[in-house]
Amino acid sequence: MFEWIKALHVISVIAWMAGLLYLPRLFVYHADTEPGSEASETFKVMERRLYRFIMLPAMLAAWGFGLVLAWLAAVWTDGWFIAKFVLVLAMSAYNDFCGRWLREFAADQRKRRARFYRFVNEIPTLIMIGAVILVIVRPF
């Protein structure tokens, strides 16, 4: 049973990461469109569907399966787990920021330039690298 939960956790994390990497890329292109244009409206639909139907369910599943794994493996006090948990909190905060930016675009607000989204698009990759190293290597 443990292995099944682990597999479902990894699948959920992959789906969540895909969304976290793709949504800001959509924002890069959306930032360069005219509010109300056909392209802008298309991006709104793409962004909303990605966030609501892939990212949010995947995030909730990753959290759920991850917490079950942590409970079953009793790793709550392990240093590597605490560090990974902090990174997951950071990833969740990033997910929330994506939701805020999505709502800004949905309201035809352009508060940031495309360059900003290109820069922040690297954040989930850095967090993921840290989390994977912590889980596989368990340096402490």
N, C-alpha and C. Protein backbone atom coordinates (compact mmCIF):
# COMPACT_ATOMS: atom_id res chain seq x y z
N MET A 1 0.82 -1.20 0.00
CA MET A 1 0.00 0.00 0.00
C MET A 1 0.86 1.27 0.00
N PHE A 2 1.95 1.23 0.79
CA PHE A 2 2.85 2.37 0.87
C PHE A 2 3.37 2.76 -0.51
N GLU A 3 3.76 1.77 -1.31
CA GLU A 3 4.31 2.04 -2.64
C GLU A 3 3.27 2.68 -3.56
N TRP A 4 2.01 2.28 -3.43
CA TRP A 4 0.93 2.88 -4.23
C TRP A 4 0.73 4.35 -3.86
N ILE A 5 0.76 4.62 -2.58
CA ILE A 5 0.61 6.01 -2.13
C ILE A 5 1.78 6.84 -2.62
N LYS A 6 2.98 6.28 -2.56
CA LYS A 6 4.16 6.98 -3.05
C LYS A 6 4.05 7.26 -4.54
N ALA A 7 3.58 6.28 -5.30
CA ALA A 7 3.41 6.47 -6.75
C ALA A 7 2.39 7.57 -7.03
N LEU A 8 1.28 7.56 -6.32
CA LEU A 8 0.26 8.60 -6.52
C LEU A 8 0.78 9.98 -6.11
N HIS A 9 1.61 10.01 -5.09
CA HIS A 9 2.23 11.28 -4.68
C HIS A 9 3.14 11.82 -5.79
N VAL A 10 3.98 10.95 -6.33
CA VAL A 10 4.89 11.38 -7.39
C VAL A 10 4.12 11.84 -8.62
N ILE A 11 3.08 11.11 -9.00
CA ILE A 11 2.23 11.51 -10.14
C ILE A 11 1.62 12.89 -9.89
N SER A 12 1.11 13.10 -8.69
CA SER A 12 0.50 14.39 -8.34
C SER A 12 1.52 15.52 -8.40
N VAL A 13 2.71 15.26 -7.88
CA VAL A 13 3.76 16.29 -7.90
C VAL A 13 4.16 16.62 -9.33
N ILE A 14 4.25 15.62 -10.18
CA ILE A 14 4.61 15.88 -11.58
C ILE A 14 3.55 16.74 -12.25
N ALA A 15 2.28 16.43 -12.04
CA ALA A 15 1.20 17.23 -12.63
C ALA A 15 1.22 18.65 -12.09
N TRP A 16 1.43 18.79 -10.79
CA TRP A 16 1.49 20.12 -10.17
C TRP A 16 2.66 20.92 -10.73
N MET A 17 3.82 20.29 -10.82
CA MET A 17 5.00 20.97 -11.36
C MET A 17 4.80 21.39 -12.81
N ALA A 18 4.16 20.55 -13.58
CA ALA A 18 3.89 20.90 -14.98
C ALA A 18 3.10 22.20 -15.05
N GLY A 19 2.08 22.30 -14.22
CA GLY A 19 1.28 23.53 -14.19
C GLY A 19 2.08 24.72 -13.69
N LEU A 20 2.88 24.51 -12.65
CA LEU A 20 3.68 25.62 -12.10
C LEU A 20 4.72 26.13 -13.09
N LEU A 21 5.15 25.26 -13.98
CA LEU A 21 6.12 25.69 -15.00
C LEU A 21 5.43 26.29 -16.22
N TYR A 22 4.24 25.81 -16.54
CA TYR A 22 3.56 26.26 -17.76
C TYR A 22 2.76 27.55 -17.55
N LEU A 23 2.09 27.70 -16.41
CA LEU A 23 1.25 28.87 -16.22
C LEU A 23 2.02 30.19 -16.31
N PRO A 24 3.16 30.33 -15.65
CA PRO A 24 3.90 31.59 -15.82
C PRO A 24 4.39 31.81 -17.25
N ARG A 25 4.63 30.73 -17.98
CA ARG A 25 5.00 30.87 -19.39
C ARG A 25 3.83 31.45 -20.17
N LEU A 26 2.62 31.01 -19.86
CA LEU A 26 1.43 31.61 -20.49
C LEU A 26 1.34 33.10 -20.12
N PHE A 27 1.67 33.42 -18.86
CA PHE A 27 1.64 34.82 -18.44
C PHE A 27 2.62 35.67 -19.24
N VAL A 28 3.79 35.08 -19.58
CA VAL A 28 4.78 35.81 -20.38
C VAL A 28 4.13 36.29 -21.68
N TYR A 29 3.44 35.40 -22.35
CA TYR A 29 2.81 35.75 -23.63
C TYR A 29 1.57 36.61 -23.43
N HIS A 30 0.83 36.34 -22.37
CA HIS A 30 -0.39 37.09 -22.10
C HIS A 30 -0.05 38.56 -21.79
N ALA A 31 1.05 38.80 -21.11
CA ALA A 31 1.45 40.15 -20.74
C ALA A 31 1.66 41.04 -21.96
N ASP A 32 1.98 40.44 -23.09
CA ASP A 32 2.24 41.20 -24.31
C ASP A 32 1.00 41.39 -25.20
N THR A 33 -0.15 40.94 -24.75
CA THR A 33 -1.38 41.10 -25.54
C THR A 33 -2.15 42.34 -25.08
N GLU A 34 -3.00 42.80 -25.94
CA GLU A 34 -3.88 43.93 -25.60
C GLU A 34 -5.05 43.42 -24.78
N PRO A 35 -5.37 44.09 -23.67
CA PRO A 35 -6.55 43.68 -22.90
C PRO A 35 -7.80 43.66 -23.78
N GLY A 36 -8.58 42.60 -23.65
CA GLY A 36 -9.82 42.46 -24.43
C GLY A 36 -9.63 41.89 -25.81
N SER A 37 -8.38 41.71 -26.26
CA SER A 37 -8.14 41.17 -27.59
C SER A 37 -8.50 39.69 -27.61
N GLU A 38 -8.63 39.14 -28.81
CA GLU A 38 -8.95 37.73 -28.95
C GLU A 38 -7.87 36.86 -28.30
N ALA A 39 -6.60 37.23 -28.50
CA ALA A 39 -5.50 36.47 -27.91
C ALA A 39 -5.58 36.52 -26.38
N SER A 40 -5.85 37.68 -25.83
CA SER A 40 -5.95 37.83 -24.38
C SER A 40 -7.07 36.96 -23.82
N GLU A 41 -8.20 36.94 -24.49
CA GLU A 41 -9.33 36.13 -24.03
C GLU A 41 -9.01 34.64 -24.11
N THR A 42 -8.27 34.24 -25.14
CA THR A 42 -7.85 32.84 -25.26
C THR A 42 -6.91 32.46 -24.12
N PHE A 43 -5.95 33.34 -23.81
CA PHE A 43 -5.05 33.08 -22.70
C PHE A 43 -5.81 32.96 -21.38
N LYS A 44 -6.82 33.79 -21.18
CA LYS A 44 -7.61 33.72 -19.95
C LYS A 44 -8.24 32.35 -19.77
N VAL A 45 -8.79 31.81 -20.83
CA VAL A 45 -9.41 30.49 -20.76
C VAL A 45 -8.36 29.42 -20.47
N MET A 46 -7.25 29.47 -21.17
CA MET A 46 -6.17 28.49 -20.98
C MET A 46 -5.65 28.54 -19.54
N GLU A 47 -5.40 29.74 -19.05
CA GLU A 47 -4.85 29.91 -17.71
C GLU A 47 -5.83 29.42 -16.65
N ARG A 48 -7.08 29.80 -16.79
CA ARG A 48 -8.09 29.40 -15.80
C ARG A 48 -8.25 27.89 -15.75
N ARG A 49 -8.32 27.25 -16.91
CA ARG A 49 -8.48 25.80 -16.94
C ARG A 49 -7.27 25.08 -16.37
N LEU A 50 -6.09 25.55 -16.71
CA LEU A 50 -4.86 24.95 -16.19
C LEU A 50 -4.83 25.04 -14.66
N TYR A 51 -5.15 26.21 -14.15
CA TYR A 51 -5.09 26.43 -12.70
C TYR A 51 -6.16 25.63 -11.97
N ARG A 52 -7.39 25.71 -12.42
CA ARG A 52 -8.50 25.07 -11.71
C ARG A 52 -8.58 23.56 -11.87
N PHE A 53 -8.28 23.08 -13.07
CA PHE A 53 -8.51 21.66 -13.34
C PHE A 53 -7.27 20.78 -13.31
N ILE A 54 -6.09 21.40 -13.28
CA ILE A 54 -4.86 20.62 -13.18
C ILE A 54 -4.07 21.00 -11.93
N MET A 55 -3.72 22.27 -11.80
CA MET A 55 -2.84 22.68 -10.71
C MET A 55 -3.45 22.49 -9.32
N LEU A 56 -4.65 23.01 -9.12
CA LEU A 56 -5.24 22.90 -7.79
C LEU A 56 -5.51 21.45 -7.37
N PRO A 57 -6.15 20.64 -8.23
CA PRO A 57 -6.33 19.24 -7.82
C PRO A 57 -5.01 18.50 -7.60
N ALA A 58 -4.02 18.77 -8.45
CA ALA A 58 -2.72 18.10 -8.31
C ALA A 58 -2.03 18.54 -7.02
N MET A 59 -2.12 19.82 -6.69
CA MET A 59 -1.52 20.30 -5.46
C MET A 59 -2.17 19.65 -4.24
N LEU A 60 -3.49 19.60 -4.24
CA LEU A 60 -4.20 18.99 -3.11
C LEU A 60 -3.87 17.51 -2.99
N ALA A 61 -3.78 16.82 -4.12
CA ALA A 61 -3.43 15.40 -4.09
C ALA A 61 -1.99 15.22 -3.60
N ALA A 62 -1.07 16.05 -4.07
CA ALA A 62 0.32 15.95 -3.63
C ALA A 62 0.42 16.17 -2.13
N TRP A 63 -0.28 17.16 -1.63
CA TRP A 63 -0.30 17.41 -0.19
C TRP A 63 -0.89 16.21 0.56
N GLY A 64 -2.03 15.74 0.10
CA GLY A 64 -2.69 14.63 0.77
C GLY A 64 -1.85 13.37 0.82
N PHE A 65 -1.38 12.95 -0.34
CA PHE A 65 -0.55 11.75 -0.40
C PHE A 65 0.77 11.95 0.36
N GLY A 66 1.34 13.15 0.27
CA GLY A 66 2.58 13.42 0.98
C GLY A 66 2.42 13.35 2.49
N LEU A 67 1.34 13.90 2.99
CA LEU A 67 1.10 13.84 4.44
C LEU A 67 0.86 12.40 4.91
N VAL A 68 0.15 11.62 4.10
CA VAL A 68 -0.05 10.21 4.45
C VAL A 68 1.30 9.48 4.47
N LEU A 69 2.14 9.73 3.48
CA LEU A 69 3.46 9.11 3.45
C LEU A 69 4.29 9.49 4.68
N ALA A 70 4.26 10.77 5.01
CA ALA A 70 5.02 11.24 6.17
C ALA A 70 4.52 10.57 7.45
N TRP A 71 3.23 10.41 7.56
CA TRP A 71 2.64 9.76 8.74
C TRP A 71 3.03 8.28 8.79
N LEU A 72 2.89 7.60 7.65
CA LEU A 72 3.21 6.17 7.61
C LEU A 72 4.70 5.90 7.88
N ALA A 73 5.55 6.78 7.36
CA ALA A 73 7.00 6.58 7.51
C ALA A 73 7.54 7.21 8.80
N ALA A 74 6.69 7.97 9.48
CA ALA A 74 7.09 8.61 10.75
C ALA A 74 8.38 9.42 10.60
N VAL A 75 8.37 10.34 9.65
CA VAL A 75 9.57 11.15 9.38
C VAL A 75 9.43 12.59 9.86
N TRP A 76 8.42 12.89 10.64
CA TRP A 76 8.10 14.27 11.04
C TRP A 76 9.27 15.02 11.64
N THR A 77 10.16 14.34 12.34
CA THR A 77 11.25 15.02 13.03
C THR A 77 12.59 14.90 12.30
N ASP A 78 12.62 14.21 11.18
CA ASP A 78 13.85 14.10 10.40
C ASP A 78 14.20 15.45 9.77
N GLY A 79 15.48 15.82 9.84
CA GLY A 79 15.90 17.11 9.31
C GLY A 79 15.58 17.29 7.84
N TRP A 80 15.84 16.26 7.04
CA TRP A 80 15.57 16.37 5.60
C TRP A 80 14.08 16.60 5.35
N PHE A 81 13.22 15.96 6.15
CA PHE A 81 11.78 16.12 5.95
C PHE A 81 11.33 17.54 6.32
N ILE A 82 11.84 18.05 7.42
CA ILE A 82 11.46 19.41 7.82
C ILE A 82 11.88 20.41 6.75
N ALA A 83 13.09 20.25 6.22
CA ALA A 83 13.55 21.15 5.14
C ALA A 83 12.68 21.00 3.90
N LYS A 84 12.33 19.76 3.56
CA LYS A 84 11.47 19.54 2.39
C LYS A 84 10.10 20.15 2.62
N PHE A 85 9.58 20.02 3.83
CA PHE A 85 8.28 20.58 4.16
C PHE A 85 8.29 22.10 3.97
N VAL A 86 9.37 22.75 4.36
CA VAL A 86 9.50 24.20 4.16
C VAL A 86 9.47 24.52 2.67
N LEU A 87 10.15 23.71 1.86
CA LEU A 87 10.14 23.93 0.40
C LEU A 87 8.74 23.71 -0.18
N VAL A 88 8.01 22.73 0.34
CA VAL A 88 6.64 22.50 -0.14
C VAL A 88 5.75 23.68 0.24
N LEU A 89 5.95 24.25 1.41
CA LEU A 89 5.22 25.46 1.79
C LEU A 89 5.53 26.61 0.82
N ALA A 90 6.82 26.74 0.46
CA ALA A 90 7.22 27.78 -0.50
C ALA A 90 6.57 27.53 -1.86
N MET A 91 6.53 26.27 -2.29
CA MET A 91 5.90 25.93 -3.56
C MET A 91 4.41 26.24 -3.53
N SER A 92 3.78 25.98 -2.40
CA SER A 92 2.36 26.28 -2.25
C SER A 92 2.11 27.79 -2.28
N ALA A 93 3.01 28.55 -1.66
CA ALA A 93 2.90 30.02 -1.71
C ALA A 93 3.06 30.51 -3.15
N TYR A 94 4.01 29.92 -3.87
CA TYR A 94 4.19 30.27 -5.29
C TYR A 94 2.92 29.96 -6.08
N ASN A 95 2.30 28.81 -5.79
CA ASN A 95 1.05 28.44 -6.44
C ASN A 95 -0.02 29.51 -6.17
N ASP A 96 -0.06 30.02 -4.94
CA ASP A 96 -1.01 31.06 -4.58
C ASP A 96 -0.72 32.35 -5.35
N PHE A 97 0.56 32.70 -5.48
CA PHE A 97 0.91 33.88 -6.27
C PHE A 97 0.45 33.71 -7.72
N CYS A 98 0.62 32.51 -8.27
CA CYS A 98 0.14 32.25 -9.64
C CYS A 98 -1.37 32.51 -9.73
N GLY A 99 -2.10 32.08 -8.72
CA GLY A 99 -3.54 32.33 -8.69
C GLY A 99 -3.86 33.81 -8.65
N ARG A 100 -3.09 34.58 -7.91
CA ARG A 100 -3.29 36.03 -7.85
C ARG A 100 -3.01 36.68 -9.20
N TRP A 101 -1.91 36.26 -9.82
CA TRP A 101 -1.57 36.82 -11.13
C TRP A 101 -2.64 36.45 -12.15
N LEU A 102 -3.15 35.24 -12.06
CA LEU A 102 -4.22 34.79 -12.96
C LEU A 102 -5.43 35.70 -12.80
N ARG A 103 -5.81 36.03 -11.57
CA ARG A 103 -6.97 36.90 -11.34
C ARG A 103 -6.72 38.31 -11.88
N GLU A 104 -5.47 38.78 -11.81
CA GLU A 104 -5.15 40.09 -12.39
C GLU A 104 -5.37 40.07 -13.90
N PHE A 105 -4.87 39.04 -14.56
CA PHE A 105 -5.07 38.93 -16.01
C PHE A 105 -6.56 38.79 -16.34
N ALA A 106 -7.30 38.03 -15.53
CA ALA A 106 -8.73 37.85 -15.77
C ALA A 106 -9.47 39.18 -15.69
N ALA A 107 -8.95 40.11 -14.88
CA ALA A 107 -9.55 41.44 -14.75
C ALA A 107 -8.93 42.43 -15.72
N ASP A 108 -8.17 41.94 -16.69
CA ASP A 108 -7.49 42.76 -17.70
C ASP A 108 -6.52 43.78 -17.10
N GLN A 109 -5.91 43.40 -15.98
CA GLN A 109 -4.88 44.23 -15.38
C GLN A 109 -3.52 43.75 -15.87
N ARG A 110 -2.66 44.69 -16.14
CA ARG A 110 -1.29 44.36 -16.57
C ARG A 110 -0.33 45.06 -15.62
N LYS A 111 -0.14 44.48 -14.44
CA LYS A 111 0.69 45.10 -13.41
C LYS A 111 2.18 44.82 -13.60
N ARG A 112 2.49 43.76 -14.35
CA ARG A 112 3.88 43.36 -14.53
C ARG A 112 4.17 43.11 -16.00
N ARG A 113 5.42 43.26 -16.34
CA ARG A 113 5.85 43.00 -17.71
C ARG A 113 6.16 41.53 -17.90
N ALA A 114 6.29 41.12 -19.15
CA ALA A 114 6.60 39.72 -19.49
C ALA A 114 7.91 39.28 -18.84
N ARG A 115 8.86 40.19 -18.74
CA ARG A 115 10.17 39.84 -18.15
C ARG A 115 10.04 39.34 -16.72
N PHE A 116 9.12 39.93 -15.95
CA PHE A 116 8.88 39.48 -14.58
C PHE A 116 8.48 38.01 -14.56
N TYR A 117 7.56 37.63 -15.43
CA TYR A 117 7.08 36.25 -15.45
C TYR A 117 8.17 35.29 -15.95
N ARG A 118 9.03 35.76 -16.84
CA ARG A 118 10.17 34.93 -17.27
C ARG A 118 11.08 34.63 -16.08
N PHE A 119 11.28 35.64 -15.24
CA PHE A 119 12.15 35.48 -14.08
C PHE A 119 11.52 34.54 -13.05
N VAL A 120 10.28 34.79 -12.67
CA VAL A 120 9.65 33.98 -11.62
C VAL A 120 9.36 32.56 -12.09
N ASN A 121 9.38 32.33 -13.39
CA ASN A 121 9.15 30.99 -13.93
C ASN A 121 10.26 30.02 -13.50
N GLU A 122 11.39 30.54 -13.05
CA GLU A 122 12.51 29.69 -12.62
C GLU A 122 12.37 29.24 -11.17
N ILE A 123 11.54 29.90 -10.40
CA ILE A 123 11.42 29.60 -8.97
C ILE A 123 11.00 28.16 -8.70
N PRO A 124 9.94 27.63 -9.35
CA PRO A 124 9.57 26.25 -9.02
C PRO A 124 10.65 25.23 -9.38
N THR A 125 11.44 25.52 -10.39
CA THR A 125 12.52 24.60 -10.75
C THR A 125 13.55 24.53 -9.62
N LEU A 126 13.90 25.68 -9.08
CA LEU A 126 14.87 25.71 -7.99
C LEU A 126 14.34 25.00 -6.74
N ILE A 127 13.07 25.23 -6.43
CA ILE A 127 12.46 24.56 -5.28
C ILE A 127 12.42 23.05 -5.51
N MET A 128 12.06 22.64 -6.72
CA MET A 128 11.99 21.21 -7.04
C MET A 128 13.35 20.55 -6.90
N ILE A 129 14.40 21.20 -7.37
CA ILE A 129 15.74 20.64 -7.25
C ILE A 129 16.08 20.40 -5.78
N GLY A 130 15.81 21.38 -4.95
CA GLY A 130 16.07 21.23 -3.53
C GLY A 130 15.28 20.10 -2.91
N ALA A 131 14.00 20.00 -3.25
CA ALA A 131 13.14 18.96 -2.68
C ALA A 131 13.59 17.57 -3.10
N VAL A 132 13.94 17.41 -4.35
CA VAL A 132 14.38 16.10 -4.84
C VAL A 132 15.68 15.69 -4.16
N ILE A 133 16.62 16.61 -4.03
CA ILE A 133 17.87 16.29 -3.34
C ILE A 133 17.61 15.89 -1.89
N LEU A 134 16.72 16.61 -1.22
CA LEU A 134 16.41 16.29 0.17
C LEU A 134 15.80 14.90 0.31
N VAL A 135 14.91 14.54 -0.61
CA VAL A 135 14.22 13.24 -0.52
C VAL A 135 15.15 12.09 -0.91
N ILE A 136 15.94 12.26 -1.94
CA ILE A 136 16.78 11.16 -2.44
C ILE A 136 18.08 11.04 -1.63
N VAL A 137 18.77 12.15 -1.42
CA VAL A 137 20.07 12.12 -0.75
C VAL A 137 19.93 12.13 0.78
N ARG A 138 18.90 12.80 1.28
CA ARG A 138 18.69 12.94 2.73
C ARG A 138 19.99 13.37 3.43
N PRO A 139 20.47 14.58 3.09
CA PRO A 139 21.77 15.01 3.59
C PRO A 139 21.83 15.23 5.10
N PHE A 140 20.68 15.33 5.74
CA PHE A 140 20.66 15.48 7.21
C PHE A 140 19.36 14.98 7.76
